[in-house]
Amino acid sequence: MKNLILILGALLIVLNTLTGLILSGYAPFNYLLADLSLAVSTGLLYFLAHRRMGHGFKIGLALLFSLTGMVRCLCVALASTVWENNVYLLVALTILIFEMVCMASAGFFGKR
């Protein structure tokens, strides 16, 4: 199961990269940030699968990280290509920080 997370993450990254190369309206800035977002989500889920914590924490966080990862990926795909005044990028970074806080607090409170 743990290797399936890595395989699915790699396939999603390849699919996103190919989509970015084929579609001219999908800017390289956006599809590279979406690739990075997918890699972070895959890493979080893989790290979560290897952590020693209660199954309830693992199931809840896996669902939360999957949903927030999709929203984060959508945000970076829709973001403008400039860094200034980029609300979508700010939302994606806020979601990423939220995920990191959830992982840290689950590691602290979710020990068996």
N, C-alpha and C. Protein backbone atom coordinates (compact mmCIF):
# COMPACT_ATOMS: atom_id res chain seq x y z
N MET A 1 0.82 -1.20 0.00
CA MET A 1 0.00 0.00 0.00
C MET A 1 0.86 1.26 0.00
N LYS A 2 1.96 1.20 0.73
CA LYS A 2 2.82 2.37 0.83
C LYS A 2 3.48 2.70 -0.51
N ASN A 3 3.85 1.65 -1.26
CA ASN A 3 4.44 1.89 -2.58
C ASN A 3 3.40 2.36 -3.58
N LEU A 4 2.15 2.00 -3.38
CA LEU A 4 1.07 2.46 -4.24
C LEU A 4 0.92 3.97 -4.17
N ILE A 5 1.15 4.55 -3.00
CA ILE A 5 1.10 6.01 -2.85
C ILE A 5 2.14 6.66 -3.74
N LEU A 6 3.35 6.13 -3.73
CA LEU A 6 4.42 6.69 -4.56
C LEU A 6 4.14 6.52 -6.05
N ILE A 7 3.62 5.37 -6.43
CA ILE A 7 3.32 5.11 -7.84
C ILE A 7 2.22 6.03 -8.34
N LEU A 8 1.14 6.16 -7.56
CA LEU A 8 0.05 7.05 -7.97
C LEU A 8 0.50 8.51 -8.01
N GLY A 9 1.30 8.92 -7.05
CA GLY A 9 1.83 10.29 -7.06
C GLY A 9 2.70 10.55 -8.28
N ALA A 10 3.56 9.60 -8.61
CA ALA A 10 4.42 9.75 -9.79
C ALA A 10 3.60 9.79 -11.07
N LEU A 11 2.57 8.95 -11.16
CA LEU A 11 1.70 8.96 -12.34
C LEU A 11 0.95 10.28 -12.48
N LEU A 12 0.47 10.84 -11.37
CA LEU A 12 -0.21 12.13 -11.42
C LEU A 12 0.74 13.25 -11.85
N ILE A 13 1.97 13.20 -11.38
CA ILE A 13 2.96 14.20 -11.78
C ILE A 13 3.26 14.09 -13.26
N VAL A 14 3.43 12.87 -13.77
CA VAL A 14 3.69 12.68 -15.20
C VAL A 14 2.49 13.15 -16.03
N LEU A 15 1.27 12.82 -15.59
CA LEU A 15 0.08 13.25 -16.30
C LEU A 15 -0.03 14.77 -16.33
N ASN A 16 0.23 15.41 -15.21
CA ASN A 16 0.17 16.87 -15.14
C ASN A 16 1.24 17.51 -16.03
N THR A 17 2.44 16.95 -16.02
CA THR A 17 3.52 17.49 -16.86
C THR A 17 3.19 17.34 -18.34
N LEU A 18 2.69 16.18 -18.73
CA LEU A 18 2.31 15.99 -20.12
C LEU A 18 1.18 16.91 -20.53
N THR A 19 0.22 17.12 -19.63
CA THR A 19 -0.87 18.05 -19.91
C THR A 19 -0.32 19.46 -20.10
N GLY A 20 0.63 19.84 -19.26
CA GLY A 20 1.24 21.16 -19.38
C GLY A 20 2.02 21.32 -20.66
N LEU A 21 2.65 20.25 -21.13
CA LEU A 21 3.40 20.33 -22.38
C LEU A 21 2.49 20.34 -23.61
N ILE A 22 1.33 19.69 -23.51
CA ILE A 22 0.42 19.59 -24.65
C ILE A 22 -0.45 20.83 -24.78
N LEU A 23 -1.01 21.32 -23.67
CA LEU A 23 -1.91 22.46 -23.72
C LEU A 23 -1.13 23.77 -23.68
N SER A 24 -1.36 24.62 -24.66
CA SER A 24 -0.61 25.87 -24.72
C SER A 24 -1.09 26.88 -23.69
N GLY A 25 -2.33 26.78 -23.23
CA GLY A 25 -2.86 27.72 -22.25
C GLY A 25 -2.43 27.42 -20.82
N TYR A 26 -1.81 26.28 -20.60
CA TYR A 26 -1.36 25.87 -19.27
C TYR A 26 0.11 26.27 -19.14
N ALA A 27 0.35 27.39 -18.49
CA ALA A 27 1.69 27.98 -18.42
C ALA A 27 2.67 27.08 -17.66
N PRO A 28 3.94 27.11 -18.05
CA PRO A 28 4.94 26.29 -17.35
C PRO A 28 5.02 26.62 -15.86
N PHE A 29 4.85 27.88 -15.50
CA PHE A 29 4.84 28.27 -14.09
C PHE A 29 3.78 27.49 -13.33
N ASN A 30 2.59 27.38 -13.92
CA ASN A 30 1.49 26.71 -13.25
C ASN A 30 1.68 25.20 -13.18
N TYR A 31 2.09 24.58 -14.27
CA TYR A 31 2.19 23.12 -14.20
C TYR A 31 3.40 22.67 -13.39
N LEU A 32 4.45 23.49 -13.32
CA LEU A 32 5.57 23.13 -12.46
C LEU A 32 5.20 23.29 -10.99
N LEU A 33 4.45 24.35 -10.66
CA LEU A 33 3.97 24.49 -9.28
C LEU A 33 2.98 23.38 -8.92
N ALA A 34 2.15 22.98 -9.88
CA ALA A 34 1.22 21.88 -9.64
C ALA A 34 1.99 20.57 -9.44
N ASP A 35 3.06 20.36 -10.20
CA ASP A 35 3.91 19.19 -9.99
C ASP A 35 4.52 19.19 -8.60
N LEU A 36 5.00 20.36 -8.17
CA LEU A 36 5.56 20.48 -6.82
C LEU A 36 4.49 20.21 -5.76
N SER A 37 3.30 20.71 -5.99
CA SER A 37 2.19 20.49 -5.06
C SER A 37 1.83 19.00 -4.99
N LEU A 38 1.81 18.34 -6.12
CA LEU A 38 1.53 16.90 -6.14
C LEU A 38 2.63 16.12 -5.43
N ALA A 39 3.87 16.54 -5.62
CA ALA A 39 4.99 15.87 -4.96
C ALA A 39 4.91 16.04 -3.44
N VAL A 40 4.53 17.24 -2.99
CA VAL A 40 4.39 17.48 -1.55
C VAL A 40 3.25 16.64 -0.98
N SER A 41 2.14 16.57 -1.69
CA SER A 41 1.01 15.76 -1.22
C SER A 41 1.38 14.29 -1.16
N THR A 42 2.08 13.81 -2.16
CA THR A 42 2.53 12.42 -2.17
C THR A 42 3.48 12.16 -1.01
N GLY A 43 4.40 13.08 -0.78
CA GLY A 43 5.34 12.94 0.33
C GLY A 43 4.64 12.94 1.68
N LEU A 44 3.66 13.82 1.85
CA LEU A 44 2.91 13.86 3.11
C LEU A 44 2.17 12.55 3.35
N LEU A 45 1.50 12.04 2.31
CA LEU A 45 0.76 10.78 2.47
C LEU A 45 1.69 9.61 2.72
N TYR A 46 2.85 9.59 2.05
CA TYR A 46 3.81 8.51 2.25
C TYR A 46 4.41 8.58 3.67
N PHE A 47 4.74 9.80 4.11
CA PHE A 47 5.27 9.98 5.45
C PHE A 47 4.24 9.59 6.49
N LEU A 48 2.99 9.93 6.23
CA LEU A 48 1.90 9.58 7.14
C LEU A 48 1.73 8.07 7.26
N ALA A 49 1.90 7.37 6.14
CA ALA A 49 1.76 5.91 6.16
C ALA A 49 2.86 5.25 6.99
N HIS A 50 4.02 5.90 7.10
CA HIS A 50 5.13 5.32 7.85
C HIS A 50 5.18 5.77 9.32
N ARG A 51 4.36 6.73 9.70
CA ARG A 51 4.37 7.22 11.08
C ARG A 51 3.69 6.22 12.00
N ARG A 52 4.18 6.15 13.23
CA ARG A 52 3.53 5.33 14.26
C ARG A 52 2.54 6.22 14.99
N MET A 53 1.28 6.03 14.68
CA MET A 53 0.20 6.75 15.37
C MET A 53 -1.06 5.93 15.24
N GLY A 54 -2.08 6.35 15.94
CA GLY A 54 -3.34 5.61 15.92
C GLY A 54 -3.95 5.61 14.53
N HIS A 55 -4.70 4.54 14.25
CA HIS A 55 -5.30 4.40 12.92
C HIS A 55 -6.32 5.50 12.64
N GLY A 56 -6.99 5.97 13.66
CA GLY A 56 -7.96 7.06 13.46
C GLY A 56 -7.28 8.33 12.97
N PHE A 57 -6.11 8.63 13.54
CA PHE A 57 -5.36 9.79 13.08
C PHE A 57 -4.91 9.60 11.64
N LYS A 58 -4.42 8.41 11.32
CA LYS A 58 -3.94 8.15 9.96
C LYS A 58 -5.05 8.28 8.93
N ILE A 59 -6.20 7.70 9.21
CA ILE A 59 -7.32 7.75 8.27
C ILE A 59 -7.82 9.18 8.10
N GLY A 60 -8.00 9.87 9.20
CA GLY A 60 -8.48 11.25 9.14
C GLY A 60 -7.50 12.17 8.43
N LEU A 61 -6.22 12.04 8.76
CA LEU A 61 -5.23 12.90 8.10
C LEU A 61 -5.04 12.54 6.63
N ALA A 62 -5.13 11.27 6.29
CA ALA A 62 -5.02 10.88 4.87
C ALA A 62 -6.15 11.50 4.06
N LEU A 63 -7.35 11.47 4.59
CA LEU A 63 -8.48 12.09 3.90
C LEU A 63 -8.30 13.60 3.82
N LEU A 64 -7.90 14.22 4.92
CA LEU A 64 -7.68 15.66 4.94
C LEU A 64 -6.59 16.08 3.98
N PHE A 65 -5.46 15.36 3.98
CA PHE A 65 -4.35 15.71 3.09
C PHE A 65 -4.71 15.48 1.63
N SER A 66 -5.52 14.49 1.35
CA SER A 66 -5.96 14.27 -0.03
C SER A 66 -6.83 15.42 -0.52
N LEU A 67 -7.77 15.84 0.32
CA LEU A 67 -8.66 16.93 -0.07
C LEU A 67 -7.92 18.27 -0.17
N THR A 68 -7.11 18.57 0.83
CA THR A 68 -6.38 19.84 0.79
C THR A 68 -5.33 19.83 -0.32
N GLY A 69 -4.79 18.67 -0.64
CA GLY A 69 -3.84 18.57 -1.74
C GLY A 69 -4.51 18.87 -3.08
N MET A 70 -5.74 18.38 -3.25
CA MET A 70 -6.47 18.69 -4.49
C MET A 70 -6.78 20.18 -4.59
N VAL A 71 -7.20 20.77 -3.48
CA VAL A 71 -7.49 22.21 -3.49
C VAL A 71 -6.22 23.01 -3.75
N ARG A 72 -5.11 22.62 -3.11
CA ARG A 72 -3.83 23.31 -3.32
C ARG A 72 -3.37 23.19 -4.77
N CYS A 73 -3.53 22.01 -5.35
CA CYS A 73 -3.14 21.80 -6.74
C CYS A 73 -4.01 22.64 -7.68
N LEU A 74 -5.29 22.73 -7.40
CA LEU A 74 -6.19 23.56 -8.19
C LEU A 74 -5.82 25.04 -8.07
N CYS A 75 -5.46 25.46 -6.87
CA CYS A 75 -5.07 26.86 -6.66
C CYS A 75 -3.83 27.22 -7.47
N VAL A 76 -2.82 26.37 -7.44
CA VAL A 76 -1.60 26.71 -8.19
C VAL A 76 -1.82 26.58 -9.69
N ALA A 77 -2.74 25.74 -10.11
CA ALA A 77 -3.04 25.64 -11.54
C ALA A 77 -3.78 26.88 -12.04
N LEU A 78 -4.57 27.51 -11.17
CA LEU A 78 -5.32 28.70 -11.56
C LEU A 78 -4.58 30.00 -11.27
N ALA A 79 -3.46 29.93 -10.59
CA ALA A 79 -2.73 31.13 -10.19
C ALA A 79 -2.19 31.87 -11.40
N SER A 80 -2.07 33.19 -11.25
CA SER A 80 -1.45 33.97 -12.32
C SER A 80 0.05 33.72 -12.30
N THR A 81 0.72 34.06 -13.38
CA THR A 81 2.14 33.73 -13.52
C THR A 81 3.06 34.76 -12.87
N VAL A 82 2.52 35.77 -12.23
CA VAL A 82 3.35 36.74 -11.51
C VAL A 82 3.24 36.47 -10.01
N TRP A 83 4.30 36.77 -9.29
CA TRP A 83 4.33 36.50 -7.85
C TRP A 83 3.56 37.54 -7.06
N GLU A 84 3.53 38.78 -7.54
CA GLU A 84 2.89 39.87 -6.79
C GLU A 84 1.38 39.75 -6.86
N ASN A 85 0.74 40.02 -5.73
CA ASN A 85 -0.73 40.03 -5.62
C ASN A 85 -1.37 38.74 -6.13
N ASN A 86 -0.75 37.61 -5.85
CA ASN A 86 -1.23 36.32 -6.31
C ASN A 86 -2.00 35.64 -5.18
N VAL A 87 -3.32 35.84 -5.19
CA VAL A 87 -4.17 35.34 -4.11
C VAL A 87 -4.19 33.80 -4.11
N TYR A 88 -4.26 33.19 -5.28
CA TYR A 88 -4.30 31.72 -5.36
C TYR A 88 -3.03 31.11 -4.76
N LEU A 89 -1.90 31.72 -5.03
CA LEU A 89 -0.64 31.22 -4.48
C LEU A 89 -0.61 31.40 -2.97
N LEU A 90 -1.15 32.49 -2.48
CA LEU A 90 -1.22 32.71 -1.05
C LEU A 90 -2.12 31.68 -0.37
N VAL A 91 -3.24 31.34 -0.99
CA VAL A 91 -4.13 30.31 -0.45
C VAL A 91 -3.42 28.95 -0.44
N ALA A 92 -2.69 28.64 -1.51
CA ALA A 92 -1.96 27.37 -1.58
C ALA A 92 -0.90 27.29 -0.48
N LEU A 93 -0.19 28.37 -0.22
CA LEU A 93 0.82 28.37 0.84
C LEU A 93 0.18 28.26 2.22
N THR A 94 -0.97 28.89 2.40
CA THR A 94 -1.69 28.78 3.66
C THR A 94 -2.15 27.35 3.91
N ILE A 95 -2.64 26.69 2.86
CA ILE A 95 -3.04 25.29 2.98
C ILE A 95 -1.84 24.41 3.33
N LEU A 96 -0.70 24.69 2.71
CA LEU A 96 0.51 23.92 2.99
C LEU A 96 0.94 24.07 4.44
N ILE A 97 0.90 25.28 4.96
CA ILE A 97 1.26 25.51 6.36
C ILE A 97 0.26 24.80 7.28
N PHE A 98 -1.03 24.85 6.93
CA PHE A 98 -2.04 24.15 7.71
C PHE A 98 -1.75 22.65 7.74
N GLU A 99 -1.36 22.08 6.61
CA GLU A 99 -1.04 20.65 6.56
C GLU A 99 0.16 20.32 7.44
N MET A 100 1.16 21.18 7.43
CA MET A 100 2.35 20.95 8.25
C MET A 100 2.01 21.02 9.75
N VAL A 101 1.15 21.97 10.12
CA VAL A 101 0.74 22.07 11.52
C VAL A 101 -0.08 20.83 11.92
N CYS A 102 -0.94 20.36 11.04
CA CYS A 102 -1.72 19.15 11.32
C CYS A 102 -0.81 17.94 11.50
N MET A 103 0.20 17.82 10.66
CA MET A 103 1.12 16.69 10.76
C MET A 103 1.93 16.76 12.05
N ALA A 104 2.37 17.95 12.41
CA ALA A 104 3.14 18.09 13.65
C ALA A 104 2.27 17.82 14.88
N SER A 105 1.06 18.34 14.88
CA SER A 105 0.19 18.11 16.04
C SER A 105 -0.25 16.65 16.12
N ALA A 106 -0.47 16.01 15.00
CA ALA A 106 -0.83 14.58 15.01
C ALA A 106 0.35 13.74 15.50
N GLY A 107 1.55 14.13 15.15
CA GLY A 107 2.72 13.42 15.65
C GLY A 107 2.87 13.58 17.15
N PHE A 108 2.47 14.74 17.67
CA PHE A 108 2.58 14.99 19.09
C PHE A 108 1.46 14.31 19.88
N PHE A 109 0.22 14.43 19.38
CA PHE A 109 -0.94 13.90 20.11
C PHE A 109 -1.33 12.48 19.71
N GLY A 110 -0.88 12.01 18.55
CA GLY A 110 -1.36 10.74 18.04
C GLY A 110 -0.51 9.54 18.32
N LYS A 111 0.41 9.65 19.25
CA LYS A 111 1.29 8.51 19.55
C LYS A 111 0.51 7.41 20.25
N ARG A 112 0.87 6.18 19.91
CA ARG A 112 0.23 5.03 20.55
C ARG A 112 0.95 4.68 21.83
